[in-house]
Amino acid sequence: MPFDHLHHVAIICSDYPRARHFYTQVLGLPIITETYRAERDSWKLDLRLGNGQLELFSFPEAPPRPSYPEACGLRHLAFAVADLESGIAELVAHGVPCEAVRVDALTGKRFTFFSDPDGLPLELYERT
């Protein structure tokens, strides 16, 4: 199957206003569309992420996702950045703690992990 690129990643959040603020104001992802779906009592926020999208959903009483210890399924979402230190500084300025910087043993690239408001593991991965 000839895939062209990753189209989107979908995330369900527990607190829509808090998650919306995190992804748009802290991470700076631009809004494509925002839709309230009354029949589901759910918000859908489409955010631009490079050539793809991040879709943020809210659903009443969605069960929590187990993250630690790591569970089967999606492990984390990684964002490529040109300057790891600048990315970490921006997150810390917004009160988002980051783990210690590590080096990928296979690629030699530096990275760090942080979490979204629901504890979803996110990663900054240095491109250069």
Foldseek 3Di string as FASTA:
>chain_A
DDDDDDAEAEDEDADVVQLVCCVCPLVNFAWPDWDQDVVQRKIWTWTDQPNHTYIYMYGPPDDADDQVVHDPDDNAAEHEDQDAVVSQVSNVVVVWDKDDWDADPVPRWIKIWTAGPSRGIYMYTYDD
